[in-house]
PDB file of N, CA and C in Angstrom:
ATOM      1  N   MET A   1      13.743   3.087  -1.368  1.00  0.00           N
ATOM      2  CA  MET A   1      12.720   3.774  -0.600  1.00  0.00           C
ATOM      3  C   MET A   1      13.377   4.284   0.668  1.00  0.00           C
ATOM      4  N   THR A   2      13.380   5.565   0.863  1.00  0.00           N
ATOM      5  CA  THR A   2      14.097   6.136   1.987  1.00  0.00           C
ATOM      6  C   THR A   2      13.261   6.164   3.262  1.00  0.00           C
ATOM      7  N   ASP A   3      12.031   6.606   3.175  1.00  0.00           N
ATOM      8  CA  ASP A   3      11.217   6.630   4.386  1.00  0.00           C
ATOM      9  C   ASP A   3      10.189   5.503   4.316  1.00  0.00           C
ATOM     10  N   ARG A   4      10.339   4.568   5.227  1.00  0.00           N
ATOM     11  CA  ARG A   4       9.481   3.386   5.234  1.00  0.00           C
ATOM     12  C   ARG A   4       8.170   3.671   5.959  1.00  0.00           C
ATOM     13  N   PRO A   5       7.076   3.196   5.388  1.00  0.00           N
ATOM     14  CA  PRO A   5       5.787   3.321   6.074  1.00  0.00           C
ATOM     15  C   PRO A   5       5.812   2.520   7.376  1.00  0.00           C
ATOM     16  N   GLU A   6       4.971   2.911   8.312  1.00  0.00           N
ATOM     17  CA  GLU A   6       4.944   2.213   9.585  1.00  0.00           C
ATOM     18  C   GLU A   6       4.341   0.817   9.483  1.00  0.00           C
ATOM     19  N   LEU A   7       3.474   0.591   8.516  1.00  0.00           N
ATOM     20  CA  LEU A   7       2.867  -0.727   8.317  1.00  0.00           C
ATOM     21  C   LEU A   7       3.629  -1.508   7.254  1.00  0.00           C
ATOM     22  N   SER A   8       3.668  -2.813   7.416  1.00  0.00           N
ATOM     23  CA  SER A   8       4.230  -3.646   6.358  1.00  0.00           C
ATOM     24  C   SER A   8       3.261  -3.637   5.176  1.00  0.00           C
ATOM     25  N   TYR A   9       3.754  -4.054   4.031  1.00  0.00           N
ATOM     26  CA  TYR A   9       2.889  -4.134   2.849  1.00  0.00           C
ATOM     27  C   TYR A   9       1.700  -5.046   3.135  1.00  0.00           C
ATOM     28  N   GLU A  10       1.997  -6.195   3.720  1.00  0.00           N
ATOM     29  CA  GLU A  10       0.959  -7.189   3.973  1.00  0.00           C
ATOM     30  C   GLU A  10      -0.107  -6.664   4.933  1.00  0.00           C
ATOM     31  N   ALA A  11       0.319  -5.977   5.989  1.00  0.00           N
ATOM     32  CA  ALA A  11      -0.639  -5.430   6.957  1.00  0.00           C
ATOM     33  C   ALA A  11      -1.488  -4.339   6.319  1.00  0.00           C
ATOM     34  N   ALA A  12      -0.855  -3.469   5.540  1.00  0.00           N
ATOM     35  CA  ALA A  12      -1.598  -2.388   4.873  1.00  0.00           C
ATOM     36  C   ALA A  12      -2.586  -2.954   3.873  1.00  0.00           C
ATOM     37  N   ARG A  13      -2.163  -3.950   3.118  1.00  0.00           N
ATOM     38  CA  ARG A  13      -3.045  -4.563   2.121  1.00  0.00           C
ATOM     39  C   ARG A  13      -4.227  -5.247   2.791  1.00  0.00           C
ATOM     40  N   GLU A  14      -3.963  -5.974   3.879  1.00  0.00           N
ATOM     41  CA  GLU A  14      -5.031  -6.667   4.601  1.00  0.00           C
ATOM     42  C   GLU A  14      -6.052  -5.672   5.153  1.00  0.00           C
ATOM     43  N   GLU A  15      -5.565  -4.580   5.728  1.00  0.00           N
ATOM     44  CA  GLU A  15      -6.479  -3.568   6.255  1.00  0.00           C
ATOM     45  C   GLU A  15      -7.244  -2.887   5.123  1.00  0.00           C
ATOM     46  N   LEU A  16      -6.573  -2.659   3.992  1.00  0.00           N
ATOM     47  CA  LEU A  16      -7.234  -2.049   2.838  1.00  0.00           C
ATOM     48  C   LEU A  16      -8.375  -2.933   2.333  1.00  0.00           C
ATOM     49  N   VAL A  17      -8.143  -4.229   2.286  1.00  0.00           N
ATOM     50  CA  VAL A  17      -9.192  -5.165   1.868  1.00  0.00           C
ATOM     51  C   VAL A  17     -10.393  -5.050   2.810  1.00  0.00           C
ATOM     52  N   GLU A  18     -10.130  -4.944   4.099  1.00  0.00           N
ATOM     53  CA  GLU A  18     -11.207  -4.814   5.089  1.00  0.00           C
ATOM     54  C   GLU A  18     -11.961  -3.495   4.913  1.00  0.00           C
ATOM     55  N   VAL A  19     -11.243  -2.416   4.648  1.00  0.00           N
ATOM     56  CA  VAL A  19     -11.885  -1.114   4.423  1.00  0.00           C
ATOM     57  C   VAL A  19     -12.799  -1.192   3.201  1.00  0.00           C
ATOM     58  N   VAL A  20     -12.320  -1.787   2.127  1.00  0.00           N
ATOM     59  CA  VAL A  20     -13.124  -1.914   0.906  1.00  0.00           C
ATOM     60  C   VAL A  20     -14.363  -2.762   1.178  1.00  0.00           C
ATOM     61  N   ARG A  21     -14.183  -3.846   1.925  1.00  0.00           N
ATOM     62  CA  ARG A  21     -15.314  -4.715   2.264  1.00  0.00           C
ATOM     63  C   ARG A  21     -16.380  -3.926   3.019  1.00  0.00           C
ATOM     64  N   LYS A  22     -15.965  -3.122   3.995  1.00  0.00           N
ATOM     65  CA  LYS A  22     -16.918  -2.330   4.773  1.00  0.00           C
ATOM     66  C   LYS A  22     -17.629  -1.302   3.898  1.00  0.00           C
ATOM     67  N   LEU A  23     -16.879  -0.659   3.009  1.00  0.00           N
ATOM     68  CA  LEU A  23     -17.498   0.323   2.126  1.00  0.00           C
ATOM     69  C   LEU A  23     -18.492  -0.326   1.171  1.00  0.00           C
ATOM     70  N   GLU A  24     -18.127  -1.483   0.646  1.00  0.00           N
ATOM     71  CA  GLU A  24     -19.033  -2.175  -0.275  1.00  0.00           C
ATOM     72  C   GLU A  24     -20.280  -2.701   0.418  1.00  0.00           C
ATOM     73  N   ALA A  25     -20.154  -3.060   1.681  1.00  0.00           N
ATOM     74  CA  ALA A  25     -21.286  -3.588   2.433  1.00  0.00           C
ATOM     75  C   ALA A  25     -22.320  -2.512   2.731  1.00  0.00           C
ATOM     76  N   GLY A  26     -21.857  -1.270   2.801  1.00  0.00           N
ATOM     77  CA  GLY A  26     -22.775  -0.172   3.097  1.00  0.00           C
ATOM     78  C   GLY A  26     -23.196  -0.187   4.547  1.00  0.00           C
ATOM     79  N   GLY A  27     -24.254   0.524   4.832  1.00  0.00           N
ATOM     80  CA  GLY A  27     -24.775   0.557   6.187  1.00  0.00           C
ATOM     81  C   GLY A  27     -24.017   1.470   7.124  1.00  0.00           C
ATOM     82  N   THR A  28     -23.111   2.285   6.585  1.00  0.00           N
ATOM     83  CA  THR A  28     -22.383   3.223   7.419  1.00  0.00           C
ATOM     84  C   THR A  28     -22.901   4.632   7.156  1.00  0.00           C
ATOM     85  N   THR A  29     -22.671   5.498   8.112  1.00  0.00           N
ATOM     86  CA  THR A  29     -23.072   6.885   7.924  1.00  0.00           C
ATOM     87  C   THR A  29     -22.131   7.539   6.908  1.00  0.00           C
ATOM     88  N   LEU A  30     -22.517   8.695   6.461  1.00  0.00           N
ATOM     89  CA  LEU A  30     -21.669   9.435   5.532  1.00  0.00           C
ATOM     90  C   LEU A  30     -20.316   9.720   6.170  1.00  0.00           C
ATOM     91  N   GLU A  31     -20.328  10.146   7.429  1.00  0.00           N
ATOM     92  CA  GLU A  31     -19.080  10.461   8.128  1.00  0.00           C
ATOM     93  C   GLU A  31     -18.193   9.214   8.251  1.00  0.00           C
ATOM     94  N   GLU A  32     -18.793   8.077   8.592  1.00  0.00           N
ATOM     95  CA  GLU A  32     -18.029   6.824   8.692  1.00  0.00           C
ATOM     96  C   GLU A  32     -17.465   6.417   7.328  1.00  0.00           C
ATOM     97  N   SER A  33     -18.277   6.575   6.301  1.00  0.00           N
ATOM     98  CA  SER A  33     -17.832   6.238   4.947  1.00  0.00           C
ATOM     99  C   SER A  33     -16.666   7.109   4.512  1.00  0.00           C
ATOM    100  N   LEU A  34     -16.742   8.394   4.815  1.00  0.00           N
ATOM    101  CA  LEU A  34     -15.644   9.303   4.473  1.00  0.00           C
ATOM    102  C   LEU A  34     -14.369   8.931   5.222  1.00  0.00           C
ATOM    103  N   ALA A  35     -14.508   8.593   6.496  1.00  0.00           N
ATOM    104  CA  ALA A  35     -13.343   8.187   7.284  1.00  0.00           C
ATOM    105  C   ALA A  35     -12.739   6.903   6.724  1.00  0.00           C
ATOM    106  N   LEU A  36     -13.584   5.961   6.343  1.00  0.00           N
ATOM    107  CA  LEU A  36     -13.087   4.716   5.740  1.00  0.00           C
ATOM    108  C   LEU A  36     -12.385   5.009   4.415  1.00  0.00           C
ATOM    109  N   TRP A  37     -12.980   5.871   3.605  1.00  0.00           N
ATOM    110  CA  TRP A  37     -12.375   6.225   2.320  1.00  0.00           C
ATOM    111  C   TRP A  37     -10.990   6.853   2.522  1.00  0.00           C
ATOM    112  N   GLU A  38     -10.912   7.784   3.470  1.00  0.00           N
ATOM    113  CA  GLU A  38      -9.630   8.438   3.748  1.00  0.00           C
ATOM    114  C   GLU A  38      -8.594   7.420   4.232  1.00  0.00           C
ATOM    115  N   ARG A  39      -9.007   6.506   5.095  1.00  0.00           N
ATOM    116  CA  ARG A  39      -8.081   5.477   5.575  1.00  0.00           C
ATOM    117  C   ARG A  39      -7.653   4.598   4.403  1.00  0.00           C
ATOM    118  N   GLY A  40      -8.593   4.264   3.539  1.00  0.00           N
ATOM    119  CA  GLY A  40      -8.276   3.457   2.367  1.00  0.00           C
ATOM    120  C   GLY A  40      -7.256   4.142   1.467  1.00  0.00           C
ATOM    121  N   GLU A  41      -7.400   5.438   1.274  1.00  0.00           N
ATOM    122  CA  GLU A  41      -6.439   6.196   0.462  1.00  0.00           C
ATOM    123  C   GLU A  41      -5.046   6.142   1.084  1.00  0.00           C
ATOM    124  N   THR A  42      -4.984   6.305   2.407  1.00  0.00           N
ATOM    125  CA  THR A  42      -3.702   6.237   3.111  1.00  0.00           C
ATOM    126  C   THR A  42      -3.078   4.852   2.958  1.00  0.00           C
ATOM    127  N   LEU A  43      -3.896   3.823   3.122  1.00  0.00           N
ATOM    128  CA  LEU A  43      -3.393   2.454   2.998  1.00  0.00           C
ATOM    129  C   LEU A  43      -2.937   2.154   1.566  1.00  0.00           C
ATOM    130  N   ALA A  44      -3.683   2.634   0.584  1.00  0.00           N
ATOM    131  CA  ALA A  44      -3.293   2.431  -0.812  1.00  0.00           C
ATOM    132  C   ALA A  44      -1.962   3.106  -1.100  1.00  0.00           C
ATOM    133  N   THR A  45      -1.759   4.292  -0.548  1.00  0.00           N
ATOM    134  CA  THR A  45      -0.486   4.997  -0.718  1.00  0.00           C
ATOM    135  C   THR A  45       0.648   4.214  -0.068  1.00  0.00           C
ATOM    136  N   THR A  46       0.401   3.673   1.113  1.00  0.00           N
ATOM    137  CA  THR A  46       1.405   2.860   1.792  1.00  0.00           C
ATOM    138  C   THR A  46       1.787   1.658   0.939  1.00  0.00           C
ATOM    139  N   CYS A  47       0.797   0.969   0.403  1.00  0.00           N
ATOM    140  CA  CYS A  47       1.063  -0.185  -0.457  1.00  0.00           C
ATOM    141  C   CYS A  47       1.872   0.231  -1.681  1.00  0.00           C
ATOM    142  N   GLN A  48       1.511   1.363  -2.276  1.00  0.00           N
ATOM    143  CA  GLN A  48       2.227   1.834  -3.461  1.00  0.00           C
ATOM    144  C   GLN A  48       3.677   2.159  -3.135  1.00  0.00           C
ATOM    145  N   HIS A  49       3.938   2.738  -1.970  1.00  0.00           N
ATOM    146  CA  HIS A  49       5.318   3.025  -1.552  1.00  0.00           C
ATOM    147  C   HIS A  49       6.125   1.732  -1.462  1.00  0.00           C
ATOM    148  N   TRP A  50       5.532   0.714  -0.857  1.00  0.00           N
ATOM    149  CA  TRP A  50       6.231  -0.570  -0.748  1.00  0.00           C
ATOM    150  C   TRP A  50       6.512  -1.158  -2.130  1.00  0.00           C
ATOM    151  N   LEU A  51       5.521  -1.101  -3.011  1.00  0.00           N
ATOM    152  CA  LEU A  51       5.711  -1.656  -4.355  1.00  0.00           C
ATOM    153  C   LEU A  51       6.757  -0.872  -5.142  1.00  0.00           C
ATOM    154  N   ASP A  52       6.726   0.452  -5.023  1.00  0.00           N
ATOM    155  CA  ASP A  52       7.730   1.276  -5.698  1.00  0.00           C
ATOM    156  C   ASP A  52       9.129   0.943  -5.184  1.00  0.00           C
ATOM    157  N   GLY A  53       9.245   0.777  -3.872  1.00  0.00           N
ATOM    158  CA  GLY A  53      10.535   0.417  -3.285  1.00  0.00           C
ATOM    159  C   GLY A  53      11.021  -0.942  -3.769  1.00  0.00           C
ATOM    160  N   ALA A  54      10.099  -1.884  -3.878  1.00  0.00           N
ATOM    161  CA  ALA A  54      10.465  -3.214  -4.358  1.00  0.00           C
ATOM    162  C   ALA A  54      10.925  -3.151  -5.813  1.00  0.00           C
ATOM    163  N   ARG A  55      10.216  -2.365  -6.637  1.00  0.00           N
ATOM    164  CA  ARG A  55      10.622  -2.204  -8.041  1.00  0.00           C
ATOM    165  C   ARG A  55      12.022  -1.596  -8.138  1.00  0.00           C
ATOM    166  N   GLU A  56      12.274  -0.593  -7.311  1.00  0.00           N
ATOM    167  CA  GLU A  56      13.573   0.071  -7.313  1.00  0.00           C
ATOM    168  C   GLU A  56      14.684  -0.904  -6.916  1.00  0.00           C
ATOM    169  N   ARG A  57      14.445  -1.673  -5.877  1.00  0.00           N
ATOM    170  CA  ARG A  57      15.446  -2.653  -5.442  1.00  0.00           C
ATOM    171  C   ARG A  57      15.690  -3.708  -6.519  1.00  0.00           C
ATOM    172  N   LEU A  58      14.619  -4.150  -7.167  1.00  0.00           N
ATOM    173  CA  LEU A  58      14.752  -5.142  -8.233  1.00  0.00           C
ATOM    174  C   LEU A  58      15.549  -4.576  -9.402  1.00  0.00           C
ATOM    175  N   ALA A  59      15.250  -3.341  -9.778  1.00  0.00           N
ATOM    176  CA  ALA A  59      15.973  -2.706 -10.889  1.00  0.00           C
ATOM    177  C   ALA A  59      17.456  -2.582 -10.561  1.00  0.00           C
ATOM    178  N   LYS A  60      17.774  -2.187  -9.327  1.00  0.00           N
ATOM    179  CA  LYS A  60      19.178  -2.076  -8.925  1.00  0.00           C
ATOM    180  C   LYS A  60      19.874  -3.439  -8.948  1.00  0.00           C
ATOM    181  N   ALA A  61      19.178  -4.460  -8.492  1.00  0.00           N
ATOM    182  CA  ALA A  61      19.758  -5.802  -8.492  1.00  0.00           C
ATOM    183  C   ALA A  61      19.997  -6.280  -9.918  1.00  0.00           C
ATOM    184  N   GLN A  62      19.063  -5.989 -10.804  1.00  0.00           N
ATOM    185  CA  GLN A  62      19.227  -6.380 -12.206  1.00  0.00           C
ATOM    186  C   GLN A  62      20.401  -5.633 -12.839  1.00  0.00           C
ATOM    187  N   GLN A  63      20.549  -4.346 -12.541  1.00  0.00           N
ATOM    188  CA  GLN A  63      21.653  -3.572 -13.069  1.00  0.00           C
ATOM    189  C   GLN A  63      22.987  -4.113 -12.559  1.00  0.00           C
ATOM    190  N   ALA A  64      23.037  -4.440 -11.296  1.00  0.00           N
ATOM    191  CA  ALA A  64      24.266  -4.990 -10.715  1.00  0.00           C
ATOM    192  C   ALA A  64      24.598  -6.332 -11.344  1.00  0.00           C
ATOM    193  N   ASP A  65      23.586  -7.129 -11.611  1.00  0.00           N
ATOM    194  CA  ASP A  65      23.799  -8.433 -12.235  1.00  0.00           C
ATOM    195  C   ASP A  65      24.306  -8.261 -13.670  1.00  0.00           C
ATOM    196  N   GLU A  66      23.744  -7.290 -14.394  1.00  0.00           N
ATOM    197  CA  GLU A  66      24.189  -7.044 -15.766  1.00  0.00           C
ATOM    198  C   GLU A  66      25.635  -6.551 -15.804  1.00  0.00           C
ATOM    199  N   LYS A  67      26.024  -5.752 -14.832  1.00  0.00           N
ATOM    200  CA  LYS A  67      27.397  -5.230 -14.785  1.00  0.00           C
ATOM    201  C   LYS A  67      28.394  -6.330 -14.447  1.00  0.00           C
ATOM    202  N   SER A  68      27.962  -7.298 -13.656  1.00  0.00           N
ATOM    203  CA  SER A  68      28.896  -8.358 -13.262  1.00  0.00           C
ATOM    204  C   SER A  68      29.045  -9.426 -14.333  1.00  0.00           C
ATOM    205  N   ASN A  69      28.164  -9.432 -15.308  1.00  0.00           N
ATOM    206  CA  ASN A  69      28.243 -10.447 -16.396  1.00  0.00           C
ATOM    207  C   ASN A  69      28.965  -9.945 -17.587  1.00  0.00           C
TER     208      ASN A  69
END
């Protein structure tokens, strides 16, 4: 992963859980709901970047291990 998100995976995931909780609870205006949804999309993308990077690092480590054996 070349460009790292500003939030850690854990922080993004925790905030995403909170956004989902607020959306599920309701009681927000349409504008607030849209803003929460947009933030949730951004956070989900951040989490996916971290997971993709972790998969890539794991694959490289496995390849290096296979070459050394």
